[in-house]
Amino acid sequence: MKRAFAGLVCATLLSSGAFASTDRCNAPQSEWKPKEALKLQLENQGWKIKRIKTTDGCYEVYGFDSKGAKKEAYFDPKTFVFIGDEED
């Protein structure tokens, strides 16, 4: 029973890890840069972008980085500072 509970706690903490870091995206929407500008910046760095959406005040980018690794990454919409990612 203790092992099952410990496993559940670990799984919960690991699955919510990327979302916990998105609390740093708190700029007012009026100060956000366009998604297209982030897409262009990342493509210039060698990324292949599939989709950009807004999650918890951050831009969430789905695609492949310059090394071809599949990424789900979070960026501040005002500064485009990398917040964190989830690797598949």
PDB file of N, CA and C in Angstrom:
ATOM      1  N   MET A   1       0.827  -1.196   0.000  1.00  0.00           N
ATOM      2  CA  MET A   1       0.000   0.000   0.000  1.00  0.00           C
ATOM      3  C   MET A   1       0.872   1.262   0.000  1.00  0.00           C
ATOM      4  N   LYS A   2       1.929   1.255   0.806  1.00  0.00           N
ATOM      5  CA  LYS A   2       2.808   2.414   0.872  1.00  0.00           C
ATOM      6  C   LYS A   2       3.486   2.646  -0.468  1.00  0.00           C
ATOM      7  N   ARG A   3       3.877   1.563  -1.165  1.00  0.00           N
ATOM      8  CA  ARG A   3       4.518   1.704  -2.470  1.00  0.00           C
ATOM      9  C   ARG A   3       3.563   2.305  -3.486  1.00  0.00           C
ATOM     10  N   ALA A   4       2.324   1.862  -3.469  1.00  0.00           N
ATOM     11  CA  ALA A   4       1.333   2.389  -4.411  1.00  0.00           C
ATOM     12  C   ALA A   4       1.119   3.882  -4.180  1.00  0.00           C
ATOM     13  N   PHE A   5       1.034   4.288  -2.924  1.00  0.00           N
ATOM     14  CA  PHE A   5       0.853   5.700  -2.604  1.00  0.00           C
ATOM     15  C   PHE A   5       2.073   6.512  -3.027  1.00  0.00           C
ATOM     16  N   ALA A   6       3.262   5.996  -2.752  1.00  0.00           N
ATOM     17  CA  ALA A   6       4.499   6.690  -3.130  1.00  0.00           C
ATOM     18  C   ALA A   6       4.586   6.837  -4.648  1.00  0.00           C
ATOM     19  N   GLY A   7       4.193   5.794  -5.366  1.00  0.00           N
ATOM     20  CA  GLY A   7       4.194   5.856  -6.832  1.00  0.00           C
ATOM     21  C   GLY A   7       3.218   6.893  -7.342  1.00  0.00           C
ATOM     22  N   LEU A   8       2.054   6.969  -6.736  1.00  0.00           N
ATOM     23  CA  LEU A   8       1.051   7.951  -7.133  1.00  0.00           C
ATOM     24  C   LEU A   8       1.545   9.372  -6.880  1.00  0.00           C
ATOM     25  N   VAL A   9       2.179   9.592  -5.739  1.00  0.00           N
ATOM     26  CA  VAL A   9       2.722  10.909  -5.417  1.00  0.00           C
ATOM     27  C   VAL A   9       3.796  11.290  -6.422  1.00  0.00           C
ATOM     28  N   CYS A  10       4.709  10.379  -6.723  1.00  0.00           N
ATOM     29  CA  CYS A  10       5.785  10.660  -7.694  1.00  0.00           C
ATOM     30  C   CYS A  10       5.215  10.966  -9.067  1.00  0.00           C
ATOM     31  N   ALA A  11       4.256  10.184  -9.518  1.00  0.00           N
ATOM     32  CA  ALA A  11       3.656  10.406 -10.835  1.00  0.00           C
ATOM     33  C   ALA A  11       2.973  11.762 -10.901  1.00  0.00           C
ATOM     34  N   THR A  12       2.298  12.148  -9.838  1.00  0.00           N
ATOM     35  CA  THR A  12       1.620  13.445  -9.795  1.00  0.00           C
ATOM     36  C   THR A  12       2.622  14.585  -9.854  1.00  0.00           C
ATOM     37  N   LEU A  13       3.682  14.480  -9.078  1.00  0.00           N
ATOM     38  CA  LEU A  13       4.697  15.531  -9.073  1.00  0.00           C
ATOM     39  C   LEU A  13       5.401  15.642 -10.412  1.00  0.00           C
ATOM     40  N   LEU A  14       5.737  14.525 -11.023  1.00  0.00           N
ATOM     41  CA  LEU A  14       6.424  14.552 -12.317  1.00  0.00           C
ATOM     42  C   LEU A  14       5.534  15.094 -13.422  1.00  0.00           C
ATOM     43  N   SER A  15       4.260  14.724 -13.423  1.00  0.00           N
ATOM     44  CA  SER A  15       3.371  15.167 -14.492  1.00  0.00           C
ATOM     45  C   SER A  15       3.036  16.644 -14.390  1.00  0.00           C
ATOM     46  N   SER A  16       3.115  17.218 -13.219  1.00  0.00           N
ATOM     47  CA  SER A  16       2.780  18.626 -13.064  1.00  0.00           C
ATOM     48  C   SER A  16       4.009  19.530 -13.065  1.00  0.00           C
ATOM     49  N   GLY A  17       5.200  18.972 -13.213  1.00  0.00           N
ATOM     50  CA  GLY A  17       6.436  19.733 -13.126  1.00  0.00           C
ATOM     51  C   GLY A  17       6.530  20.867 -14.116  1.00  0.00           C
ATOM     52  N   ALA A  18       6.211  20.643 -15.377  1.00  0.00           N
ATOM     53  CA  ALA A  18       6.335  21.698 -16.383  1.00  0.00           C
ATOM     54  C   ALA A  18       5.326  22.805 -16.131  1.00  0.00           C
ATOM     55  N   PHE A  19       4.146  22.434 -15.673  1.00  0.00           N
ATOM     56  CA  PHE A  19       3.126  23.441 -15.464  1.00  0.00           C
ATOM     57  C   PHE A  19       3.408  24.306 -14.253  1.00  0.00           C
ATOM     58  N   ALA A  20       4.120  23.777 -13.280  1.00  0.00           N
ATOM     59  CA  ALA A  20       4.455  24.567 -12.101  1.00  0.00           C
ATOM     60  C   ALA A  20       5.343  25.746 -12.466  1.00  0.00           C
ATOM     61  N   SER A  21       6.168  25.585 -13.507  1.00  0.00           N
ATOM     62  CA  SER A  21       7.089  26.652 -13.878  1.00  0.00           C
ATOM     63  C   SER A  21       6.416  27.760 -14.680  1.00  0.00           C
ATOM     64  N   THR A  22       5.216  27.526 -15.186  1.00  0.00           N
ATOM     65  CA  THR A  22       4.559  28.528 -16.016  1.00  0.00           C
ATOM     66  C   THR A  22       4.029  29.704 -15.210  1.00  0.00           C
ATOM     67  N   ASP A  23       4.129  29.648 -13.882  1.00  0.00           N
ATOM     68  CA  ASP A  23       3.647  30.776 -13.079  1.00  0.00           C
ATOM     69  C   ASP A  23       4.523  32.009 -13.269  1.00  0.00           C
ATOM     70  N   ARG A  24       5.643  31.868 -13.962  1.00  0.00           N
ATOM     71  CA  ARG A  24       6.494  33.022 -14.251  1.00  0.00           C
ATOM     72  C   ARG A  24       5.980  33.823 -15.441  1.00  0.00           C
ATOM     73  N   CYS A  25       4.991  33.339 -16.144  1.00  0.00           N
ATOM     74  CA  CYS A  25       4.406  34.057 -17.280  1.00  0.00           C
ATOM     75  C   CYS A  25       3.248  34.901 -16.757  1.00  0.00           C
ATOM     76  N   ASN A  26       3.538  36.128 -16.360  1.00  0.00           N
ATOM     77  CA  ASN A  26       2.491  36.943 -15.753  1.00  0.00           C
ATOM     78  C   ASN A  26       2.395  38.339 -16.358  1.00  0.00           C
ATOM     79  N   ALA A  27       2.947  38.533 -17.552  1.00  0.00           N
ATOM     80  CA  ALA A  27       2.866  39.842 -18.205  1.00  0.00           C
ATOM     81  C   ALA A  27       1.437  40.089 -18.690  1.00  0.00           C
ATOM     82  N   PRO A  28       0.971  41.327 -18.622  1.00  0.00           N
ATOM     83  CA  PRO A  28      -0.350  41.641 -19.163  1.00  0.00           C
ATOM     84  C   PRO A  28      -0.381  41.336 -20.665  1.00  0.00           C
ATOM     85  N   GLN A  29      -1.492  40.851 -21.132  1.00  0.00           N
ATOM     86  CA  GLN A  29      -1.613  40.452 -22.536  1.00  0.00           C
ATOM     87  C   GLN A  29      -1.302  41.609 -23.492  1.00  0.00           C
ATOM     88  N   SER A  30      -1.521  42.830 -23.066  1.00  0.00           N
ATOM     89  CA  SER A  30      -1.224  43.994 -23.907  1.00  0.00           C
ATOM     90  C   SER A  30       0.277  44.138 -24.189  1.00  0.00           C
ATOM     91  N   GLU A  31       1.124  43.472 -23.391  1.00  0.00           N
ATOM     92  CA  GLU A  31       2.573  43.551 -23.561  1.00  0.00           C
ATOM     93  C   GLU A  31       3.157  42.351 -24.307  1.00  0.00           C
ATOM     94  N   TRP A  32       2.314  41.385 -24.675  1.00  0.00           N
ATOM     95  CA  TRP A  32       2.794  40.185 -25.352  1.00  0.00           C
ATOM     96  C   TRP A  32       3.258  40.503 -26.766  1.00  0.00           C
ATOM     97  N   LYS A  33       4.314  39.822 -27.192  1.00  0.00           N
ATOM     98  CA  LYS A  33       4.744  39.872 -28.586  1.00  0.00           C
ATOM     99  C   LYS A  33       3.911  38.838 -29.361  1.00  0.00           C
ATOM    100  N   PRO A  34       3.783  39.018 -30.666  1.00  0.00           N
ATOM    101  CA  PRO A  34       2.984  38.065 -31.455  1.00  0.00           C
ATOM    102  C   PRO A  34       3.608  36.665 -31.496  1.00  0.00           C
ATOM    103  N   LYS A  35       2.750  35.653 -31.567  1.00  0.00           N
ATOM    104  CA  LYS A  35       3.213  34.276 -31.689  1.00  0.00           C
ATOM    105  C   LYS A  35       4.095  34.105 -32.922  1.00  0.00           C
ATOM    106  N   GLU A  36       3.749  34.790 -33.991  1.00  0.00           N
ATOM    107  CA  GLU A  36       4.508  34.674 -35.240  1.00  0.00           C
ATOM    108  C   GLU A  36       5.968  35.102 -35.038  1.00  0.00           C
ATOM    109  N   ALA A  37       6.209  36.089 -34.177  1.00  0.00           N
ATOM    110  CA  ALA A  37       7.580  36.530 -33.898  1.00  0.00           C
ATOM    111  C   ALA A  37       8.369  35.441 -33.169  1.00  0.00           C
ATOM    112  N   LEU A  38       7.724  34.737 -32.240  1.00  0.00           N
ATOM    113  CA  LEU A  38       8.378  33.619 -31.557  1.00  0.00           C
ATOM    114  C   LEU A  38       8.664  32.500 -32.544  1.00  0.00           C
ATOM    115  N   LYS A  39       7.695  32.217 -33.395  1.00  0.00           N
ATOM    116  CA  LYS A  39       7.882  31.170 -34.405  1.00  0.00           C
ATOM    117  C   LYS A  39       9.089  31.486 -35.288  1.00  0.00           C
ATOM    118  N   LEU A  40       9.193  32.710 -35.752  1.00  0.00           N
ATOM    119  CA  LEU A  40      10.303  33.125 -36.606  1.00  0.00           C
ATOM    120  C   LEU A  40      11.635  33.010 -35.864  1.00  0.00           C
ATOM    121  N   GLN A  41      11.662  33.448 -34.617  1.00  0.00           N
ATOM    122  CA  GLN A  41      12.881  33.373 -33.812  1.00  0.00           C
ATOM    123  C   GLN A  41      13.342  31.921 -33.670  1.00  0.00           C
ATOM    124  N   LEU A  42      12.415  31.036 -33.340  1.00  0.00           N
ATOM    125  CA  LEU A  42      12.775  29.632 -33.145  1.00  0.00           C
ATOM    126  C   LEU A  42      13.173  28.965 -34.456  1.00  0.00           C
ATOM    127  N   GLU A  43      12.477  29.288 -35.541  1.00  0.00           N
ATOM    128  CA  GLU A  43      12.842  28.721 -36.846  1.00  0.00           C
ATOM    129  C   GLU A  43      14.238  29.180 -37.258  1.00  0.00           C
ATOM    130  N   ASN A  44      14.605  30.403 -36.926  1.00  0.00           N
ATOM    131  CA  ASN A  44      15.957  30.902 -37.209  1.00  0.00           C
ATOM    132  C   ASN A  44      17.018  30.157 -36.389  1.00  0.00           C
ATOM    133  N   GLN A  45      16.586  29.530 -35.298  1.00  0.00           N
ATOM    134  CA  GLN A  45      17.491  28.730 -34.473  1.00  0.00           C
ATOM    135  C   GLN A  45      17.466  27.257 -34.884  1.00  0.00           C
ATOM    136  N   GLY A  46      16.733  26.946 -35.955  1.00  0.00           N
ATOM    137  CA  GLY A  46      16.699  25.582 -36.465  1.00  0.00           C
ATOM    138  C   GLY A  46      15.524  24.739 -36.023  1.00  0.00           C
ATOM    139  N   TRP A  47      14.575  25.319 -35.307  1.00  0.00           N
ATOM    140  CA  TRP A  47      13.395  24.578 -34.865  1.00  0.00           C
ATOM    141  C   TRP A  47      12.429  24.383 -36.028  1.00  0.00           C
ATOM    142  N   LYS A  48      11.643  23.314 -35.947  1.00  0.00           N
ATOM    143  CA  LYS A  48      10.504  23.073 -36.837  1.00  0.00           C
ATOM    144  C   LYS A  48       9.260  23.169 -35.962  1.00  0.00           C
ATOM    145  N   ILE A  49       8.453  24.197 -36.186  1.00  0.00           N
ATOM    146  CA  ILE A  49       7.298  24.470 -35.329  1.00  0.00           C
ATOM    147  C   ILE A  49       6.035  23.842 -35.912  1.00  0.00           C
ATOM    148  N   LYS A  50       5.333  23.074 -35.076  1.00  0.00           N
ATOM    149  CA  LYS A  50       4.049  22.486 -35.469  1.00  0.00           C
ATOM    150  C   LYS A  50       2.892  23.383 -35.025  1.00  0.00           C
ATOM    151  N   ARG A  51       2.997  23.933 -33.796  1.00  0.00           N
ATOM    152  CA  ARG A  51       1.886  24.720 -33.236  1.00  0.00           C
ATOM    153  C   ARG A  51       2.381  25.549 -32.066  1.00  0.00           C
ATOM    154  N   ILE A  52       1.786  26.726 -31.908  1.00  0.00           N
ATOM    155  CA  ILE A  52       2.014  27.556 -30.727  1.00  0.00           C
ATOM    156  C   ILE A  52       0.647  27.916 -30.162  1.00  0.00           C
ATOM    157  N   LYS A  53       0.466  27.651 -28.874  1.00  0.00           N
ATOM    158  CA  LYS A  53      -0.793  28.023 -28.223  1.00  0.00           C
ATOM    159  C   LYS A  53      -0.481  28.692 -26.890  1.00  0.00           C
ATOM    160  N   THR A  54      -1.496  29.223 -26.250  1.00  0.00           N
ATOM    161  CA  THR A  54      -1.345  29.883 -24.962  1.00  0.00           C
ATOM    162  C   THR A  54      -1.816  28.936 -23.858  1.00  0.00           C
ATOM    163  N   THR A  55      -0.957  28.762 -22.836  1.00  0.00           N
ATOM    164  CA  THR A  55      -1.280  27.927 -21.685  1.00  0.00           C
ATOM    165  C   THR A  55      -0.823  28.632 -20.422  1.00  0.00           C
ATOM    166  N   ASP A  56      -1.734  28.896 -19.519  1.00  0.00           N
ATOM    167  CA  ASP A  56      -1.406  29.520 -18.228  1.00  0.00           C
ATOM    168  C   ASP A  56      -0.574  30.789 -18.389  1.00  0.00           C
ATOM    169  N   GLY A  57      -0.883  31.594 -19.390  1.00  0.00           N
ATOM    170  CA  GLY A  57      -0.188  32.853 -19.598  1.00  0.00           C
ATOM    171  C   GLY A  57       1.138  32.737 -20.322  1.00  0.00           C
ATOM    172  N   CYS A  58       1.524  31.525 -20.724  1.00  0.00           N
ATOM    173  CA  CYS A  58       2.768  31.300 -21.475  1.00  0.00           C
ATOM    174  C   CYS A  58       2.430  30.876 -22.904  1.00  0.00           C
ATOM    175  N   TYR A  59       3.402  31.060 -23.795  1.00  0.00           N
ATOM    176  CA  TYR A  59       3.299  30.451 -25.111  1.00  0.00           C
ATOM    177  C   TYR A  59       3.835  29.028 -24.987  1.00  0.00           C
ATOM    178  N   GLU A  60       3.035  28.070 -25.448  1.00  0.00           N
ATOM    179  CA  GLU A  60       3.412  26.662 -25.436  1.00  0.00           C
ATOM    180  C   GLU A  60       3.702  26.262 -26.878  1.00  0.00           C
ATOM    181  N   VAL A  61       4.927  25.841 -27.134  1.00  0.00           N
ATOM    182  CA  VAL A  61       5.373  25.532 -28.487  1.00  0.00           C
ATOM    183  C   VAL A  61       5.503  24.029 -28.649  1.00  0.00           C
ATOM    184  N   TYR A  62       4.892  23.503 -29.710  1.00  0.00           N
ATOM    185  CA  TYR A  62       5.016  22.103 -30.077  1.00  0.00           C
ATOM    186  C   TYR A  62       5.831  22.028 -31.357  1.00  0.00           C
ATOM    187  N   GLY A  63       6.840  21.173 -31.360  1.00  0.00           N
ATOM    188  CA  GLY A  63       7.636  21.033 -32.558  1.00  0.00           C
ATOM    189  C   GLY A  63       8.901  20.246 -32.277  1.00  0.00           C
ATOM    190  N   PHE A  64       9.936  20.543 -33.071  1.00  0.00           N
ATOM    191  CA  PHE A  64      11.214  19.849 -32.981  1.00  0.00           C
ATOM    192  C   PHE A  64      12.324  20.879 -32.883  1.00  0.00           C
ATOM    193  N   ASP A  65      13.247  20.662 -31.942  1.00  0.00           N
ATOM    194  CA  ASP A  65      14.347  21.609 -31.785  1.00  0.00           C
ATOM    195  C   ASP A  65      15.384  21.423 -32.891  1.00  0.00           C
ATOM    196  N   SER A  66      16.467  22.174 -32.822  1.00  0.00           N
ATOM    197  CA  SER A  66      17.483  22.154 -33.876  1.00  0.00           C
ATOM    198  C   SER A  66      18.189  20.800 -33.998  1.00  0.00           C
ATOM    199  N   LYS A  67      18.087  19.953 -32.973  1.00  0.00           N
ATOM    200  CA  LYS A  67      18.693  18.619 -33.010  1.00  0.00           C
ATOM    201  C   LYS A  67      17.697  17.559 -33.459  1.00  0.00           C
ATOM    202  N   GLY A  68      16.455  17.995 -33.736  1.00  0.00           N
ATOM    203  CA  GLY A  68      15.421  17.061 -34.179  1.00  0.00           C
ATOM    204  C   GLY A  68      14.651  16.406 -33.055  1.00  0.00           C
ATOM    205  N   ALA A  69      14.894  16.824 -31.820  1.00  0.00           N
ATOM    206  CA  ALA A  69      14.181  16.263 -30.674  1.00  0.00           C
ATOM    207  C   ALA A  69      12.787  16.872 -30.574  1.00  0.00           C
ATOM    208  N   LYS A  70      11.798  16.030 -30.348  1.00  0.00           N
ATOM    209  CA  LYS A  70      10.418  16.493 -30.189  1.00  0.00           C
ATOM    210  C   LYS A  70      10.319  17.310 -28.908  1.00  0.00           C
ATOM    211  N   LYS A  71       9.690  18.477 -28.986  1.00  0.00           N
ATOM    212  CA  LYS A  71       9.606  19.378 -27.841  1.00  0.00           C
ATOM    213  C   LYS A  71       8.197  19.886 -27.603  1.00  0.00           C
ATOM    214  N   GLU A  72       7.908  20.083 -26.339  1.00  0.00           N
ATOM    215  CA  GLU A  72       6.746  20.829 -25.870  1.00  0.00           C
ATOM    216  C   GLU A  72       7.352  21.829 -24.889  1.00  0.00           C
ATOM    217  N   ALA A  73       7.566  23.054 -25.340  1.00  0.00           N
ATOM    218  CA  ALA A  73       8.333  24.034 -24.567  1.00  0.00           C
ATOM    219  C   ALA A  73       7.491  25.260 -24.266  1.00  0.00           C
ATOM    220  N   TYR A  74       7.798  25.901 -23.146  1.00  0.00           N
ATOM    221  CA  TYR A  74       7.066  27.073 -22.682  1.00  0.00           C
ATOM    222  C   TYR A  74       7.969  28.305 -22.737  1.00  0.00           C
ATOM    223  N   PHE A  75       7.401  29.422 -23.231  1.00  0.00           N
ATOM    224  CA  PHE A  75       8.138  30.673 -23.356  1.00  0.00           C
ATOM    225  C   PHE A  75       7.298  31.814 -22.812  1.00  0.00           C
ATOM    226  N   ASP A  76       7.962  32.790 -22.205  1.00  0.00           N
ATOM    227  CA  ASP A  76       7.294  34.000 -21.747  1.00  0.00           C
ATOM    228  C   ASP A  76       6.845  34.785 -22.972  1.00  0.00           C
ATOM    229  N   PRO A  77       5.568  35.159 -23.070  1.00  0.00           N
ATOM    230  CA  PRO A  77       5.072  35.839 -24.269  1.00  0.00           C
ATOM    231  C   PRO A  77       5.547  37.283 -24.421  1.00  0.00           C
ATOM    232  N   LYS A  78       6.066  37.867 -23.370  1.00  0.00           N
ATOM    233  CA  LYS A  78       6.564  39.245 -23.436  1.00  0.00           C
ATOM    234  C   LYS A  78       8.038  39.282 -23.844  1.00  0.00           C
ATOM    235  N   THR A  79       8.828  38.360 -23.316  1.00  0.00           N
ATOM    236  CA  THR A  79      10.280  38.396 -23.512  1.00  0.00           C
ATOM    237  C   THR A  79      10.812  37.246 -24.363  1.00  0.00           C
ATOM    238  N   PHE A  80      10.000  36.220 -24.577  1.00  0.00           N
ATOM    239  CA  PHE A  80      10.388  34.978 -25.250  1.00  0.00           C
ATOM    240  C   PHE A  80      11.462  34.208 -24.488  1.00  0.00           C
ATOM    241  N   VAL A  81      11.591  34.476 -23.190  1.00  0.00           N
ATOM    242  CA  VAL A  81      12.508  33.717 -22.346  1.00  0.00           C
ATOM    243  C   VAL A  81      11.960  32.303 -22.198  1.00  0.00           C
ATOM    244  N   PHE A  82      12.839  31.313 -22.360  1.00  0.00           N
ATOM    245  CA  PHE A  82      12.481  29.911 -22.193  1.00  0.00           C
ATOM    246  C   PHE A  82      12.123  29.657 -20.733  1.00  0.00           C
ATOM    247  N   ILE A  83      10.959  29.057 -20.483  1.00  0.00           N
ATOM    248  CA  ILE A  83      10.481  28.791 -19.128  1.00  0.00           C
ATOM    249  C   ILE A  83      10.750  27.351 -18.719  1.00  0.00           C
ATOM    250  N   GLY A  84      10.516  26.431 -19.618  1.00  0.00           N
ATOM    251  CA  GLY A  84      10.696  25.006 -19.324  1.00  0.00           C
ATOM    252  C   GLY A  84      10.109  24.177 -20.439  1.00  0.00           C
ATOM    253  N   ASP A  85      10.268  22.863 -20.324  1.00  0.00           N
ATOM    254  CA  ASP A  85       9.710  21.995 -21.354  1.00  0.00           C
ATOM    255  C   ASP A  85       9.314  20.653 -20.773  1.00  0.00           C
ATOM    256  N   GLU A  86       8.590  19.908 -21.595  1.00  0.00           N
ATOM    257  CA  GLU A  86       8.242  18.524 -21.322  1.00  0.00           C
ATOM    258  C   GLU A  86       8.791  17.715 -22.468  1.00  0.00           C
ATOM    259  N   GLU A  87       9.564  16.694 -22.159  1.00  0.00           N
ATOM    260  CA  GLU A  87      10.114  15.854 -23.214  1.00  0.00           C
ATOM    261  C   GLU A  87       9.256  14.604 -23.340  1.00  0.00           C
ATOM    262  N   ASP A  88       8.994  14.217 -24.573  1.00  0.00           N
ATOM    263  CA  ASP A  88       8.228  12.992 -24.816  1.00  0.00           C
ATOM    264  C   ASP A  88       9.122  11.775 -24.830  1.00  0.00           C
TER     265      ASP A  88
END
